[in-house]
Amino acid sequence: MGMEKGKFFHTVDENGEMALQGIVLGRSNGRVTVELFSWITGAPVSEETFTETEAAQWKFYRTENQWLNAGDKAFDGEY
């Protein structure tokens, strides 16, 4: 499991805290294109492209529900 199209993810900053959240839109030529979502509204905010090396550090989830639960825990200070 990892950077496949349709996988939800969270990035983790240098302090080990969740930073960005989104879904993988696709991979090509060592790059990963994602759609990022707002932490406040959950609405899409932008499309960004990262290297596969950067994305290798992210936390990917098997289901949208697991991703949502992890985000909720981060807001509750449990992450």
PDB file of N, CA and C in Angstrom:
ATOM      1  N   MET A   1       0.858  -1.180   0.000  1.00  0.00           N
ATOM      2  CA  MET A   1       0.000   0.000   0.000  1.00  0.00           C
ATOM      3  C   MET A   1       0.895   1.231   0.000  1.00  0.00           C
ATOM      4  N   GLY A   2       0.478   2.250  -0.689  1.00  0.00           N
ATOM      5  CA  GLY A   2       1.286   3.452  -0.723  1.00  0.00           C
ATOM      6  C   GLY A   2       0.689   4.504  -1.611  1.00  0.00           C
ATOM      7  N   MET A   3       1.469   4.934  -2.565  1.00  0.00           N
ATOM      8  CA  MET A   3       1.137   6.111  -3.358  1.00  0.00           C
ATOM      9  C   MET A   3       0.172   5.848  -4.509  1.00  0.00           C
ATOM     10  N   GLU A   4      -0.629   4.798  -4.446  1.00  0.00           N
ATOM     11  CA  GLU A   4      -1.546   4.499  -5.536  1.00  0.00           C
ATOM     12  C   GLU A   4      -2.631   5.569  -5.653  1.00  0.00           C
ATOM     13  N   LYS A   5      -3.111   5.749  -6.876  1.00  0.00           N
ATOM     14  CA  LYS A   5      -4.209   6.675  -7.128  1.00  0.00           C
ATOM     15  C   LYS A   5      -5.390   6.314  -6.229  1.00  0.00           C
ATOM     16  N   GLY A   6      -5.981   7.333  -5.620  1.00  0.00           N
ATOM     17  CA  GLY A   6      -7.143   7.131  -4.767  1.00  0.00           C
ATOM     18  C   GLY A   6      -6.830   6.899  -3.300  1.00  0.00           C
ATOM     19  N   LYS A   7      -5.549   6.790  -2.941  1.00  0.00           N
ATOM     20  CA  LYS A   7      -5.178   6.590  -1.537  1.00  0.00           C
ATOM     21  C   LYS A   7      -5.181   7.929  -0.800  1.00  0.00           C
ATOM     22  N   PHE A   8      -5.776   7.917   0.383  1.00  0.00           N
ATOM     23  CA  PHE A   8      -5.779   9.094   1.245  1.00  0.00           C
ATOM     24  C   PHE A   8      -4.500   9.093   2.072  1.00  0.00           C
ATOM     25  N   PHE A   9      -4.045  10.282   2.461  1.00  0.00           N
ATOM     26  CA  PHE A   9      -2.778  10.385   3.186  1.00  0.00           C
ATOM     27  C   PHE A   9      -2.767  11.606   4.099  1.00  0.00           C
ATOM     28  N   HIS A  10      -1.814  11.585   5.018  1.00  0.00           N
ATOM     29  CA  HIS A  10      -1.416  12.756   5.801  1.00  0.00           C
ATOM     30  C   HIS A  10       0.092  12.888   5.660  1.00  0.00           C
ATOM     31  N   THR A  11       0.570  14.114   5.547  1.00  0.00           N
ATOM     32  CA  THR A  11       2.007  14.345   5.631  1.00  0.00           C
ATOM     33  C   THR A  11       2.337  14.578   7.105  1.00  0.00           C
ATOM     34  N   VAL A  12       3.599  14.390   7.436  1.00  0.00           N
ATOM     35  CA  VAL A  12       4.055  14.585   8.810  1.00  0.00           C
ATOM     36  C   VAL A  12       5.203  15.581   8.781  1.00  0.00           C
ATOM     37  N   ASP A  13       5.140  16.591   9.653  1.00  0.00           N
ATOM     38  CA  ASP A  13       6.192  17.611   9.666  1.00  0.00           C
ATOM     39  C   ASP A  13       7.392  17.151  10.484  1.00  0.00           C
ATOM     40  N   GLU A  14       8.389  18.013  10.592  1.00  0.00           N
ATOM     41  CA  GLU A  14       9.632  17.666  11.296  1.00  0.00           C
ATOM     42  C   GLU A  14       9.427  17.401  12.783  1.00  0.00           C
ATOM     43  N   ASN A  15       8.299  17.819  13.332  1.00  0.00           N
ATOM     44  CA  ASN A  15       7.978  17.559  14.744  1.00  0.00           C
ATOM     45  C   ASN A  15       7.129  16.311  14.924  1.00  0.00           C
ATOM     46  N   GLY A  16       6.874  15.599  13.826  1.00  0.00           N
ATOM     47  CA  GLY A  16       6.077  14.381  13.892  1.00  0.00           C
ATOM     48  C   GLY A  16       4.579  14.621  13.926  1.00  0.00           C
ATOM     49  N   GLU A  17       4.158  15.850  13.626  1.00  0.00           N
ATOM     50  CA  GLU A  17       2.737  16.173  13.640  1.00  0.00           C
ATOM     51  C   GLU A  17       2.184  16.201  12.219  1.00  0.00           C
ATOM     52  N   MET A  18       0.896  15.866  12.095  1.00  0.00           N
ATOM     53  CA  MET A  18       0.261  15.907  10.787  1.00  0.00           C
ATOM     54  C   MET A  18       0.290  17.332  10.246  1.00  0.00           C
ATOM     55  N   ALA A  19       0.585  17.451   8.951  1.00  0.00           N
ATOM     56  CA  ALA A  19       0.670  18.778   8.347  1.00  0.00           C
ATOM     57  C   ALA A  19      -0.381  18.964   7.258  1.00  0.00           C
ATOM     58  N   LEU A  20      -0.314  18.153   6.222  1.00  0.00           N
ATOM     59  CA  LEU A  20      -1.253  18.260   5.102  1.00  0.00           C
ATOM     60  C   LEU A  20      -2.083  16.995   5.020  1.00  0.00           C
ATOM     61  N   GLN A  21      -3.236  17.096   4.373  1.00  0.00           N
ATOM     62  CA  GLN A  21      -4.064  15.918   4.150  1.00  0.00           C
ATOM     63  C   GLN A  21      -4.599  15.958   2.733  1.00  0.00           C
ATOM     64  N   GLY A  22      -4.749  14.767   2.139  1.00  0.00           N
ATOM     65  CA  GLY A  22      -5.242  14.747   0.778  1.00  0.00           C
ATOM     66  C   GLY A  22      -5.440  13.365   0.229  1.00  0.00           C
ATOM     67  N   ILE A  23      -5.570  13.316  -1.096  1.00  0.00           N
ATOM     68  CA  ILE A  23      -5.765  12.079  -1.838  1.00  0.00           C
ATOM     69  C   ILE A  23      -4.846  12.100  -3.059  1.00  0.00           C
ATOM     70  N   VAL A  24      -4.302  10.947  -3.389  1.00  0.00           N
ATOM     71  CA  VAL A  24      -3.421  10.824  -4.550  1.00  0.00           C
ATOM     72  C   VAL A  24      -4.265  10.818  -5.820  1.00  0.00           C
ATOM     73  N   LEU A  25      -3.922  11.701  -6.754  1.00  0.00           N
ATOM     74  CA  LEU A  25      -4.600  11.764  -8.044  1.00  0.00           C
ATOM     75  C   LEU A  25      -3.874  10.940  -9.105  1.00  0.00           C
ATOM     76  N   GLY A  26      -2.547  10.812  -8.961  1.00  0.00           N
ATOM     77  CA  GLY A  26      -1.787  10.033  -9.930  1.00  0.00           C
ATOM     78  C   GLY A  26      -0.293  10.128  -9.700  1.00  0.00           C
ATOM     79  N   ARG A  27       0.441   9.266 -10.410  1.00  0.00           N
ATOM     80  CA  ARG A  27       1.909   9.240 -10.356  1.00  0.00           C
ATOM     81  C   ARG A  27       2.447   9.195 -11.775  1.00  0.00           C
ATOM     82  N   SER A  28       3.553   9.914 -11.986  1.00  0.00           N
ATOM     83  CA  SER A  28       4.191   9.893 -13.290  1.00  0.00           C
ATOM     84  C   SER A  28       5.601  10.444 -13.170  1.00  0.00           C
ATOM     85  N   ASN A  29       6.546   9.741 -13.778  1.00  0.00           N
ATOM     86  CA  ASN A  29       7.933  10.220 -13.864  1.00  0.00           C
ATOM     87  C   ASN A  29       8.511  10.608 -12.507  1.00  0.00           C
ATOM     88  N   GLY A  30       8.259   9.796 -11.501  1.00  0.00           N
ATOM     89  CA  GLY A  30       8.830  10.056 -10.179  1.00  0.00           C
ATOM     90  C   GLY A  30       8.140  11.158  -9.392  1.00  0.00           C
ATOM     91  N   ARG A  31       6.976  11.576  -9.859  1.00  0.00           N
ATOM     92  CA  ARG A  31       6.218  12.641  -9.195  1.00  0.00           C
ATOM     93  C   ARG A  31       4.843  12.110  -8.794  1.00  0.00           C
ATOM     94  N   VAL A  32       4.303  12.670  -7.725  1.00  0.00           N
ATOM     95  CA  VAL A  32       2.979  12.293  -7.219  1.00  0.00           C
ATOM     96  C   VAL A  32       2.114  13.557  -7.211  1.00  0.00           C
ATOM     97  N   THR A  33       0.989  13.506  -7.913  1.00  0.00           N
ATOM     98  CA  THR A  33       0.049  14.629  -7.928  1.00  0.00           C
ATOM     99  C   THR A  33      -1.086  14.317  -6.971  1.00  0.00           C
ATOM    100  N   VAL A  34      -1.393  15.292  -6.123  1.00  0.00           N
ATOM    101  CA  VAL A  34      -2.390  15.086  -5.074  1.00  0.00           C
ATOM    102  C   VAL A  34      -3.379  16.244  -5.052  1.00  0.00           C
ATOM    103  N   GLU A  35      -4.520  15.983  -4.436  1.00  0.00           N
ATOM    104  CA  GLU A  35      -5.469  17.034  -4.104  1.00  0.00           C
ATOM    105  C   GLU A  35      -5.424  17.192  -2.590  1.00  0.00           C
ATOM    106  N   LEU A  36      -5.193  18.416  -2.136  1.00  0.00           N
ATOM    107  CA  LEU A  36      -5.130  18.697  -0.707  1.00  0.00           C
ATOM    108  C   LEU A  36      -6.475  19.213  -0.218  1.00  0.00           C
ATOM    109  N   PHE A  37      -6.796  18.884   1.046  1.00  0.00           N
ATOM    110  CA  PHE A  37      -8.065  19.270   1.649  1.00  0.00           C
ATOM    111  C   PHE A  37      -7.840  20.166   2.859  1.00  0.00           C
ATOM    112  N   SER A  38      -8.759  21.067   3.082  1.00  0.00           N
ATOM    113  CA  SER A  38      -8.735  21.964   4.239  1.00  0.00           C
ATOM    114  C   SER A  38      -8.925  21.166   5.528  1.00  0.00           C
ATOM    115  N   TRP A  39      -8.171  21.528   6.562  1.00  0.00           N
ATOM    116  CA  TRP A  39      -8.381  20.933   7.884  1.00  0.00           C
ATOM    117  C   TRP A  39      -9.668  21.462   8.505  1.00  0.00           C
ATOM    118  N   ILE A  40     -10.071  22.653   8.146  1.00  0.00           N
ATOM    119  CA  ILE A  40     -11.250  23.276   8.759  1.00  0.00           C
ATOM    120  C   ILE A  40     -12.551  22.777   8.131  1.00  0.00           C
ATOM    121  N   THR A  41     -12.644  22.834   6.810  1.00  0.00           N
ATOM    122  CA  THR A  41     -13.904  22.491   6.142  1.00  0.00           C
ATOM    123  C   THR A  41     -13.901  21.120   5.484  1.00  0.00           C
ATOM    124  N   GLY A  42     -12.723  20.572   5.234  1.00  0.00           N
ATOM    125  CA  GLY A  42     -12.618  19.312   4.511  1.00  0.00           C
ATOM    126  C   GLY A  42     -12.747  19.472   3.007  1.00  0.00           C
ATOM    127  N   ALA A  43     -12.943  20.703   2.553  1.00  0.00           N
ATOM    128  CA  ALA A  43     -13.096  20.977   1.124  1.00  0.00           C
ATOM    129  C   ALA A  43     -11.744  20.945   0.415  1.00  0.00           C
ATOM    130  N   PRO A  44     -11.745  20.560  -0.871  1.00  0.00           N
ATOM    131  CA  PRO A  44     -10.498  20.624  -1.642  1.00  0.00           C
ATOM    132  C   PRO A  44      -9.986  22.063  -1.700  1.00  0.00           C
ATOM    133  N   VAL A  45      -8.660  22.227  -1.560  1.00  0.00           N
ATOM    134  CA  VAL A  45      -8.088  23.575  -1.602  1.00  0.00           C
ATOM    135  C   VAL A  45      -7.072  23.757  -2.729  1.00  0.00           C
ATOM    136  N   SER A  46      -6.407  22.676  -3.134  1.00  0.00           N
ATOM    137  CA  SER A  46      -5.431  22.822  -4.216  1.00  0.00           C
ATOM    138  C   SER A  46      -4.962  21.471  -4.711  1.00  0.00           C
ATOM    139  N   GLU A  47      -4.369  21.492  -5.899  1.00  0.00           N
ATOM    140  CA  GLU A  47      -3.650  20.341  -6.429  1.00  0.00           C
ATOM    141  C   GLU A  47      -2.175  20.687  -6.379  1.00  0.00           C
ATOM    142  N   GLU A  48      -1.382  19.738  -5.908  1.00  0.00           N
ATOM    143  CA  GLU A  48       0.062  19.951  -5.775  1.00  0.00           C
ATOM    144  C   GLU A  48       0.785  18.722  -6.315  1.00  0.00           C
ATOM    145  N   THR A  49       2.051  18.904  -6.657  1.00  0.00           N
ATOM    146  CA  THR A  49       2.885  17.791  -7.103  1.00  0.00           C
ATOM    147  C   THR A  49       4.115  17.707  -6.219  1.00  0.00           C
ATOM    148  N   PHE A  50       4.431  16.502  -5.790  1.00  0.00           N
ATOM    149  CA  PHE A  50       5.573  16.229  -4.919  1.00  0.00           C
ATOM    150  C   PHE A  50       6.408  15.122  -5.550  1.00  0.00           C
ATOM    151  N   THR A  51       7.644  14.991  -5.113  1.00  0.00           N
ATOM    152  CA  THR A  51       8.466  13.879  -5.578  1.00  0.00           C
ATOM    153  C   THR A  51       8.041  12.606  -4.840  1.00  0.00           C
ATOM    154  N   GLU A  52       8.314  11.461  -5.459  1.00  0.00           N
ATOM    155  CA  GLU A  52       8.026  10.195  -4.785  1.00  0.00           C
ATOM    156  C   GLU A  52       8.851  10.062  -3.513  1.00  0.00           C
ATOM    157  N   THR A  53      10.032  10.652  -3.487  1.00  0.00           N
ATOM    158  CA  THR A  53      10.860  10.627  -2.285  1.00  0.00           C
ATOM    159  C   THR A  53      10.167  11.356  -1.138  1.00  0.00           C
ATOM    160  N   GLU A  54       9.595  12.521  -1.435  1.00  0.00           N
ATOM    161  CA  GLU A  54       8.840  13.244  -0.410  1.00  0.00           C
ATOM    162  C   GLU A  54       7.633  12.431   0.048  1.00  0.00           C
ATOM    163  N   ALA A  55       6.897  11.859  -0.904  1.00  0.00           N
ATOM    164  CA  ALA A  55       5.682  11.120  -0.586  1.00  0.00           C
ATOM    165  C   ALA A  55       5.970   9.827   0.179  1.00  0.00           C
ATOM    166  N   ALA A  56       7.166   9.302   0.057  1.00  0.00           N
ATOM    167  CA  ALA A  56       7.516   8.068   0.770  1.00  0.00           C
ATOM    168  C   ALA A  56       7.465   8.255   2.281  1.00  0.00           C
ATOM    169  N   GLN A  57       7.515   9.497   2.741  1.00  0.00           N
ATOM    170  CA  GLN A  57       7.488   9.793   4.180  1.00  0.00           C
ATOM    171  C   GLN A  57       6.068   9.963   4.722  1.00  0.00           C
ATOM    172  N   TRP A  58       5.071   9.926   3.868  1.00  0.00           N
ATOM    173  CA  TRP A  58       3.698  10.180   4.274  1.00  0.00           C
ATOM    174  C   TRP A  58       3.051   8.948   4.873  1.00  0.00           C
ATOM    175  N   LYS A  59       1.967   9.166   5.599  1.00  0.00           N
ATOM    176  CA  LYS A  59       1.154   8.087   6.148  1.00  0.00           C
ATOM    177  C   LYS A  59      -0.036   7.870   5.217  1.00  0.00           C
ATOM    178  N   PHE A  60      -0.123   6.676   4.608  1.00  0.00           N
ATOM    179  CA  PHE A  60      -1.221   6.340   3.709  1.00  0.00           C
ATOM    180  C   PHE A  60      -2.208   5.438   4.429  1.00  0.00           C
ATOM    181  N   TYR A  61      -3.465   5.493   4.009  1.00  0.00           N
ATOM    182  CA  TYR A  61      -4.542   4.741   4.663  1.00  0.00           C
ATOM    183  C   TYR A  61      -5.234   3.831   3.664  1.00  0.00           C
ATOM    184  N   ARG A  62      -5.677   2.693   4.153  1.00  0.00           N
ATOM    185  CA  ARG A  62      -6.385   1.721   3.308  1.00  0.00           C
ATOM    186  C   ARG A  62      -7.767   2.227   2.919  1.00  0.00           C
ATOM    187  N   THR A  63      -8.421   2.964   3.835  1.00  0.00           N
ATOM    188  CA  THR A  63      -9.783   3.433   3.574  1.00  0.00           C
ATOM    189  C   THR A  63      -9.927   4.905   3.938  1.00  0.00           C
ATOM    190  N   GLU A  64     -10.944   5.545   3.363  1.00  0.00           N
ATOM    191  CA  GLU A  64     -11.241   6.931   3.706  1.00  0.00           C
ATOM    192  C   GLU A  64     -11.608   7.043   5.189  1.00  0.00           C
ATOM    193  N   ASN A  65     -12.303   6.054   5.714  1.00  0.00           N
ATOM    194  CA  ASN A  65     -12.703   6.082   7.117  1.00  0.00           C
ATOM    195  C   ASN A  65     -11.484   6.072   8.047  1.00  0.00           C
ATOM    196  N   GLN A  66     -10.470   5.267   7.741  1.00  0.00           N
ATOM    197  CA  GLN A  66      -9.240   5.257   8.551  1.00  0.00           C
ATOM    198  C   GLN A  66      -8.569   6.625   8.513  1.00  0.00           C
ATOM    199  N   TRP A  67      -8.551   7.234   7.345  1.00  0.00           N
ATOM    200  CA  TRP A  67      -7.952   8.561   7.169  1.00  0.00           C
ATOM    201  C   TRP A  67      -8.699   9.594   8.005  1.00  0.00           C
ATOM    202  N   LEU A  68     -10.038   9.569   7.931  1.00  0.00           N
ATOM    203  CA  LEU A  68     -10.844  10.512   8.706  1.00  0.00           C
ATOM    204  C   LEU A  68     -10.644  10.317  10.200  1.00  0.00           C
ATOM    205  N   ASN A  69     -10.602   9.072  10.650  1.00  0.00           N
ATOM    206  CA  ASN A  69     -10.394   8.795  12.079  1.00  0.00           C
ATOM    207  C   ASN A  69      -9.031   9.289  12.552  1.00  0.00           C
ATOM    208  N   ALA A  70      -8.009   9.114  11.737  1.00  0.00           N
ATOM    209  CA  ALA A  70      -6.671   9.591  12.096  1.00  0.00           C
ATOM    210  C   ALA A  70      -6.659  11.110  12.200  1.00  0.00           C
ATOM    211  N   GLY A  71      -7.334  11.790  11.280  1.00  0.00           N
ATOM    212  CA  GLY A  71      -7.416  13.249  11.331  1.00  0.00           C
ATOM    213  C   GLY A  71      -8.153  13.726  12.571  1.00  0.00           C
ATOM    214  N   ASP A  72      -9.234  13.031  12.922  1.00  0.00           N
ATOM    215  CA  ASP A  72      -9.978  13.382  14.133  1.00  0.00           C
ATOM    216  C   ASP A  72      -9.100  13.237  15.372  1.00  0.00           C
ATOM    217  N   LYS A  73      -8.320  12.166  15.428  1.00  0.00           N
ATOM    218  CA  LYS A  73      -7.427  11.945  16.573  1.00  0.00           C
ATOM    219  C   LYS A  73      -6.370  13.037  16.660  1.00  0.00           C
ATOM    220  N   ALA A  74      -5.892  13.511  15.518  1.00  0.00           N
ATOM    221  CA  ALA A  74      -4.895  14.575  15.507  1.00  0.00           C
ATOM    222  C   ALA A  74      -5.490  15.845  16.123  1.00  0.00           C
ATOM    223  N   PHE A  75      -6.738  16.143  15.789  1.00  0.00           N
ATOM    224  CA  PHE A  75      -7.383  17.328  16.364  1.00  0.00           C
ATOM    225  C   PHE A  75      -7.624  17.172  17.854  1.00  0.00           C
ATOM    226  N   ASP A  76      -7.829  15.933  18.294  1.00  0.00           N
ATOM    227  CA  ASP A  76      -8.054  15.669  19.719  1.00  0.00           C
ATOM    228  C   ASP A  76      -6.741  15.547  20.493  1.00  0.00           C
ATOM    229  N   GLY A  77      -5.606  15.670  19.794  1.00  0.00           N
ATOM    230  CA  GLY A  77      -4.306  15.572  20.450  1.00  0.00           C
ATOM    231  C   GLY A  77      -3.855  14.160  20.708  1.00  0.00           C
ATOM    232  N   GLU A  78      -4.470  13.164  20.053  1.00  0.00           N
ATOM    233  CA  GLU A  78      -4.126  11.769  20.277  1.00  0.00           C
ATOM    234  C   GLU A  78      -3.103  11.228  19.289  1.00  0.00           C
ATOM    235  N   TYR A  79      -2.828  11.961  18.242  1.00  0.00           N
ATOM    236  CA  TYR A  79      -1.929  11.454  17.200  1.00  0.00           C
ATOM    237  C   TYR A  79      -0.509  11.439  17.677  1.00  0.00           C
TER     238      TYR A  79
END
